[in-house]
């Protein structure tokens, strides 16, 4: 028989014993696993709450056709005959204008302040036929300042003068 060292062979010395360090490692591994799960769930919850509304986009072209003045323009004067107070005219186009602005000015190119919105001035747009529309617009322009009539009309939206 050979002599066995006290305590046995070193390989089998720690079998069955629990060490404090191994419990720490298991707890750390478990904590790391739980923490990773919490972070993953939080990241999913954050990204799941980000919603993007459905949108439409595109490009296209459309023919822009103008309105034509088909009848003579008539003006209304004040009692003294010194100021033009209104203008009436007939436009021809494919659709009834949604907005019309006029400018009565000295120059051929009116400035922004000279434009008057016909609807806001108390004027109106009447449909005469499917393609002709009578427009009236009210303003006060001294006789000497109203040599040129400019008209802007659109079939959708508002006329914007800049």
C-alpha atoms as a PDB file:
ATOM      1  CA  UNK A   1       0.000   0.000   0.000  1.00  0.00           C
ATOM      2  CA  UNK A   2       1.161   3.357  -0.743  1.00  0.00           C
ATOM      3  CA  UNK A   3       1.046   6.203   1.599  1.00  0.00           C
ATOM      4  CA  UNK A   4      -1.742   8.668   1.013  1.00  0.00           C
ATOM      5  CA  UNK A   5      -1.174  12.206   1.960  1.00  0.00           C
ATOM      6  CA  UNK A   6      -3.381  13.634   4.543  1.00  0.00           C
ATOM      7  CA  UNK A   7      -6.294  15.358   2.951  1.00  0.00           C
ATOM      8  CA  UNK A   8      -6.240  13.180  -0.151  1.00  0.00           C
ATOM      9  CA  UNK A   9      -5.334  13.952  -3.706  1.00  0.00           C
ATOM     10  CA  UNK A  10      -5.328  17.667  -4.576  1.00  0.00           C
ATOM     11  CA  UNK A  11      -7.605  17.122  -7.595  1.00  0.00           C
ATOM     12  CA  UNK A  12     -10.462  15.848  -5.518  1.00  0.00           C
ATOM     13  CA  UNK A  13      -9.760  18.013  -2.516  1.00  0.00           C
ATOM     14  CA  UNK A  14     -12.570  20.573  -3.091  1.00  0.00           C
ATOM     15  CA  UNK A  15     -15.297  18.300  -4.404  1.00  0.00           C
ATOM     16  CA  UNK A  16     -18.488  18.794  -2.493  1.00  0.00           C
ATOM     17  CA  UNK A  17     -17.373  22.008  -0.891  1.00  0.00           C
ATOM     18  CA  UNK A  18     -19.074  25.242  -1.704  1.00  0.00           C
ATOM     19  CA  UNK A  19     -16.920  28.204  -2.026  1.00  0.00           C
ATOM     20  CA  UNK A  20     -17.985  31.762  -1.337  1.00  0.00           C
ATOM     21  CA  UNK A  21     -16.393  33.011  -4.578  1.00  0.00           C
ATOM     22  CA  UNK A  22     -18.457  30.684  -6.777  1.00  0.00           C
ATOM     23  CA  UNK A  23     -21.727  31.968  -5.251  1.00  0.00           C
ATOM     24  CA  UNK A  24     -20.607  35.500  -6.009  1.00  0.00           C
ATOM     25  CA  UNK A  25     -19.951  34.590  -9.623  1.00  0.00           C
ATOM     26  CA  UNK A  26     -23.317  32.927 -10.012  1.00  0.00           C
ATOM     27  CA  UNK A  27     -25.095  35.910  -8.473  1.00  0.00           C
ATOM     28  CA  UNK A  28     -23.171  38.325 -10.710  1.00  0.00           C
ATOM     29  CA  UNK A  29     -23.987  36.268 -13.796  1.00  0.00           C
ATOM     30  CA  UNK A  30     -27.656  36.117 -12.803  1.00  0.00           C
ATOM     31  CA  UNK A  31     -27.705  39.879 -12.134  1.00  0.00           C
ATOM     32  CA  UNK A  32     -26.061  40.576 -15.503  1.00  0.00           C
ATOM     33  CA  UNK A  33     -28.620  38.370 -17.252  1.00  0.00           C
ATOM     34  CA  UNK A  34     -31.555  40.094 -15.520  1.00  0.00           C
ATOM     35  CA  UNK A  35     -30.085  43.540 -16.238  1.00  0.00           C
ATOM     36  CA  UNK A  36     -29.656  42.679 -19.928  1.00  0.00           C
ATOM     37  CA  UNK A  37     -33.295  41.558 -20.038  1.00  0.00           C
ATOM     38  CA  UNK A  38     -34.490  44.790 -18.424  1.00  0.00           C
ATOM     39  CA  UNK A  39     -32.425  46.909 -20.843  1.00  0.00           C
ATOM     40  CA  UNK A  40     -33.716  44.930 -23.843  1.00  0.00           C
ATOM     41  CA  UNK A  41     -37.336  45.305 -22.679  1.00  0.00           C
ATOM     42  CA  UNK A  42     -36.822  49.042 -22.105  1.00  0.00           C
ATOM     43  CA  UNK A  43     -35.290  49.517 -25.535  1.00  0.00           C
ATOM     44  CA  UNK A  44     -38.172  47.649 -27.145  1.00  0.00           C
ATOM     45  CA  UNK A  45     -40.718  49.705 -25.228  1.00  0.00           C
ATOM     46  CA  UNK A  46     -38.999  52.925 -26.343  1.00  0.00           C
ATOM     47  CA  UNK A  47     -38.892  51.964 -29.997  1.00  0.00           C
ATOM     48  CA  UNK A  48     -42.403  50.506 -29.927  1.00  0.00           C
ATOM     49  CA  UNK A  49     -43.801  53.879 -28.802  1.00  0.00           C
ATOM     50  CA  UNK A  50     -42.266  55.743 -31.759  1.00  0.00           C
ATOM     51  CA  UNK A  51     -44.970  55.935 -34.393  1.00  0.00           C
ATOM     52  CA  UNK A  52     -44.714  57.636 -37.755  1.00  0.00           C
ATOM     53  CA  UNK A  53     -47.926  58.849 -39.337  1.00  0.00           C
ATOM     54  CA  UNK A  54     -48.778  57.546 -42.767  1.00  0.00           C
ATOM     55  CA  UNK A  55     -47.901  60.112 -45.402  1.00  0.00           C
ATOM     56  CA  UNK A  56     -48.290  60.586 -49.106  1.00  0.00           C
ATOM     57  CA  UNK A  57     -45.764  62.154 -51.432  1.00  0.00           C
ATOM     58  CA  UNK A  58     -45.535  62.598 -55.125  1.00  0.00           C
ATOM     59  CA  UNK A  59     -44.878  64.888 -58.001  1.00  0.00           C
ATOM     60  CA  UNK A  60     -46.835  65.793 -61.055  1.00  0.00           C
ATOM     61  CA  UNK A  61     -47.680  68.453 -63.537  1.00  0.00           C
ATOM     62  CA  UNK A  62     -50.854  70.241 -64.428  1.00  0.00           C
ATOM     63  CA  UNK A  63     -51.723  72.721 -67.108  1.00  0.00           C
ATOM     64  CA  UNK A  64     -52.161  76.251 -65.793  1.00  0.00           C
ATOM     65  CA  UNK A  65     -54.704  78.146 -67.806  1.00  0.00           C
ATOM     66  CA  UNK A  66     -55.478  81.762 -67.232  1.00  0.00           C
ATOM     67  CA  UNK A  67     -58.732  83.609 -66.936  1.00  0.00           C
ATOM     68  CA  UNK A  68     -59.715  85.933 -69.789  1.00  0.00           C
ATOM     69  CA  UNK A  69     -61.576  89.195 -69.500  1.00  0.00           C
ATOM     70  CA  UNK A  70     -64.390  88.606 -71.993  1.00  0.00           C
ATOM     71  CA  UNK A  71     -66.449  91.760 -71.563  1.00  0.00           C
ATOM     72  CA  UNK A  72     -65.763  95.440 -71.103  1.00  0.00           C
ATOM     73  CA  UNK A  73     -64.759  96.592 -67.660  1.00  0.00           C
ATOM     74  CA  UNK A  74     -67.122  99.045 -65.950  1.00  0.00           C
ATOM     75  CA  UNK A  75     -66.246 101.398 -63.093  1.00  0.00           C
ATOM     76  CA  UNK A  76     -68.409 102.974 -60.421  1.00  0.00           C
ATOM     77  CA  UNK A  77     -67.548 106.533 -59.362  1.00  0.00           C
ATOM     78  CA  UNK A  78     -68.338 108.441 -56.199  1.00  0.00           C
ATOM     79  CA  UNK A  79     -70.948 111.228 -56.335  1.00  0.00           C
ATOM     80  CA  UNK A  80     -68.340 113.945 -56.955  1.00  0.00           C
ATOM     81  CA  UNK A  81     -66.706 111.932 -59.736  1.00  0.00           C
ATOM     82  CA  UNK A  82     -63.273 112.182 -58.112  1.00  0.00           C
ATOM     83  CA  UNK A  83     -62.764 108.579 -56.961  1.00  0.00           C
ATOM     84  CA  UNK A  84     -63.362 105.166 -58.481  1.00  0.00           C
ATOM     85  CA  UNK A  85     -65.213 103.083 -55.893  1.00  0.00           C
ATOM     86  CA  UNK A  86     -65.798  99.779 -57.682  1.00  0.00           C
ATOM     87  CA  UNK A  87     -65.018  97.774 -60.777  1.00  0.00           C
ATOM     88  CA  UNK A  88     -67.098  95.080 -62.490  1.00  0.00           C
ATOM     89  CA  UNK A  89     -65.837  92.695 -65.152  1.00  0.00           C
ATOM     90  CA  UNK A  90     -66.477  89.220 -66.518  1.00  0.00           C
ATOM     91  CA  UNK A  91     -63.859  86.466 -66.424  1.00  0.00           C
ATOM     92  CA  UNK A  92     -63.897  83.382 -68.586  1.00  0.00           C
ATOM     93  CA  UNK A  93     -62.216  80.187 -67.381  1.00  0.00           C
ATOM     94  CA  UNK A  94     -62.607  76.473 -66.780  1.00  0.00           C
ATOM     95  CA  UNK A  95     -63.654  76.865 -63.128  1.00  0.00           C
ATOM     96  CA  UNK A  96     -65.225  79.493 -60.900  1.00  0.00           C
ATOM     97  CA  UNK A  97     -62.487  81.548 -59.228  1.00  0.00           C
ATOM     98  CA  UNK A  98     -62.140  80.931 -55.492  1.00  0.00           C
ATOM     99  CA  UNK A  99     -60.389  84.284 -55.003  1.00  0.00           C
ATOM    100  CA  UNK A 100     -59.875  87.423 -57.074  1.00  0.00           C
ATOM    101  CA  UNK A 101     -57.749  90.491 -56.328  1.00  0.00           C
ATOM    102  CA  UNK A 102     -57.537  93.702 -58.325  1.00  0.00           C
ATOM    103  CA  UNK A 103     -55.205  96.676 -58.347  1.00  0.00           C
ATOM    104  CA  UNK A 104     -55.953 100.020 -59.915  1.00  0.00           C
ATOM    105  CA  UNK A 105     -52.670 101.919 -60.171  1.00  0.00           C
ATOM    106  CA  UNK A 106     -50.659 104.566 -62.018  1.00  0.00           C
ATOM    107  CA  UNK A 107     -47.997 102.087 -63.086  1.00  0.00           C
ATOM    108  CA  UNK A 108     -48.368  98.948 -65.180  1.00  0.00           C
ATOM    109  CA  UNK A 109     -46.864  96.905 -62.329  1.00  0.00           C
ATOM    110  CA  UNK A 110     -48.853  97.620 -59.136  1.00  0.00           C
ATOM    111  CA  UNK A 111     -47.190  97.531 -55.727  1.00  0.00           C
ATOM    112  CA  UNK A 112     -48.381  95.106 -53.066  1.00  0.00           C
ATOM    113  CA  UNK A 113     -50.326  97.760 -51.108  1.00  0.00           C
ATOM    114  CA  UNK A 114     -52.505  98.579 -54.153  1.00  0.00           C
ATOM    115  CA  UNK A 115     -54.066  95.111 -54.386  1.00  0.00           C
ATOM    116  CA  UNK A 116     -57.610  94.688 -53.017  1.00  0.00           C
ATOM    117  CA  UNK A 117     -59.245  91.331 -52.249  1.00  0.00           C
ATOM    118  CA  UNK A 118     -62.635  91.477 -53.961  1.00  0.00           C
ATOM    119  CA  UNK A 119     -64.441  89.234 -51.450  1.00  0.00           C
ATOM    120  CA  UNK A 120     -63.022  91.103 -48.428  1.00  0.00           C
ATOM    121  CA  UNK A 121     -63.972  94.470 -49.970  1.00  0.00           C
ATOM    122  CA  UNK A 122     -67.638  93.511 -50.165  1.00  0.00           C
ATOM    123  CA  UNK A 123     -67.508  92.447 -53.806  1.00  0.00           C
ATOM    124  CA  UNK A 124     -68.564  89.079 -55.119  1.00  0.00           C
ATOM    125  CA  UNK A 125     -68.086  86.474 -57.817  1.00  0.00           C
ATOM    126  CA  UNK A 126     -71.268  85.385 -59.631  1.00  0.00           C
ATOM    127  CA  UNK A 127     -71.436  82.401 -61.964  1.00  0.00           C
ATOM    128  CA  UNK A 128     -73.105  83.476 -65.227  1.00  0.00           C
ATOM    129  CA  UNK A 129     -72.457  80.221 -67.101  1.00  0.00           C
ATOM    130  CA  UNK A 130     -70.254  77.203 -66.443  1.00  0.00           C
ATOM    131  CA  UNK A 131     -67.262  79.128 -67.843  1.00  0.00           C
ATOM    132  CA  UNK A 132     -68.095  82.835 -67.314  1.00  0.00           C
ATOM    133  CA  UNK A 133     -68.066  84.648 -63.992  1.00  0.00           C
ATOM    134  CA  UNK A 134     -68.992  88.232 -63.131  1.00  0.00           C
ATOM    135  CA  UNK A 135     -66.651  89.810 -60.581  1.00  0.00           C
ATOM    136  CA  UNK A 136     -67.264  92.978 -58.589  1.00  0.00           C
ATOM    137  CA  UNK A 137     -64.712  94.617 -56.341  1.00  0.00           C
ATOM    138  CA  UNK A 138     -64.923  97.729 -54.133  1.00  0.00           C
ATOM    139  CA  UNK A 139     -62.128 100.213 -53.389  1.00  0.00           C
ATOM    140  CA  UNK A 140     -61.423 103.960 -53.315  1.00  0.00           C
ATOM    141  CA  UNK A 141     -58.852 105.167 -55.802  1.00  0.00           C
ATOM    142  CA  UNK A 142     -58.486 108.841 -56.791  1.00  0.00           C
ATOM    143  CA  UNK A 143     -59.199 109.367 -60.492  1.00  0.00           C
ATOM    144  CA  UNK A 144     -55.671 110.540 -61.285  1.00  0.00           C
ATOM    145  CA  UNK A 145     -54.141 107.382 -59.767  1.00  0.00           C
ATOM    146  CA  UNK A 146     -56.120 104.689 -61.571  1.00  0.00           C
ATOM    147  CA  UNK A 147     -54.739 104.272 -65.081  1.00  0.00           C
ATOM    148  CA  UNK A 148     -54.013 100.521 -65.062  1.00  0.00           C
ATOM    149  CA  UNK A 149     -56.260  97.686 -63.879  1.00  0.00           C
ATOM    150  CA  UNK A 150     -54.509  94.463 -62.865  1.00  0.00           C
ATOM    151  CA  UNK A 151     -56.439  91.281 -62.036  1.00  0.00           C
ATOM    152  CA  UNK A 152     -55.232  88.118 -60.280  1.00  0.00           C
ATOM    153  CA  UNK A 153     -57.531  85.108 -59.922  1.00  0.00           C
ATOM    154  CA  UNK A 154     -57.167  81.490 -58.799  1.00  0.00           C
ATOM    155  CA  UNK A 155     -59.538  78.521 -58.968  1.00  0.00           C
ATOM    156  CA  UNK A 156     -58.373  77.052 -55.630  1.00  0.00           C
ATOM    157  CA  UNK A 157     -57.057  78.735 -52.495  1.00  0.00           C
ATOM    158  CA  UNK A 158     -56.216  82.420 -52.094  1.00  0.00           C
ATOM    159  CA  UNK A 159     -54.367  84.890 -54.310  1.00  0.00           C
ATOM    160  CA  UNK A 160     -51.080  85.842 -52.623  1.00  0.00           C
ATOM    161  CA  UNK A 161     -49.335  89.006 -53.800  1.00  0.00           C
ATOM    162  CA  UNK A 162     -45.738  89.513 -52.694  1.00  0.00           C
END
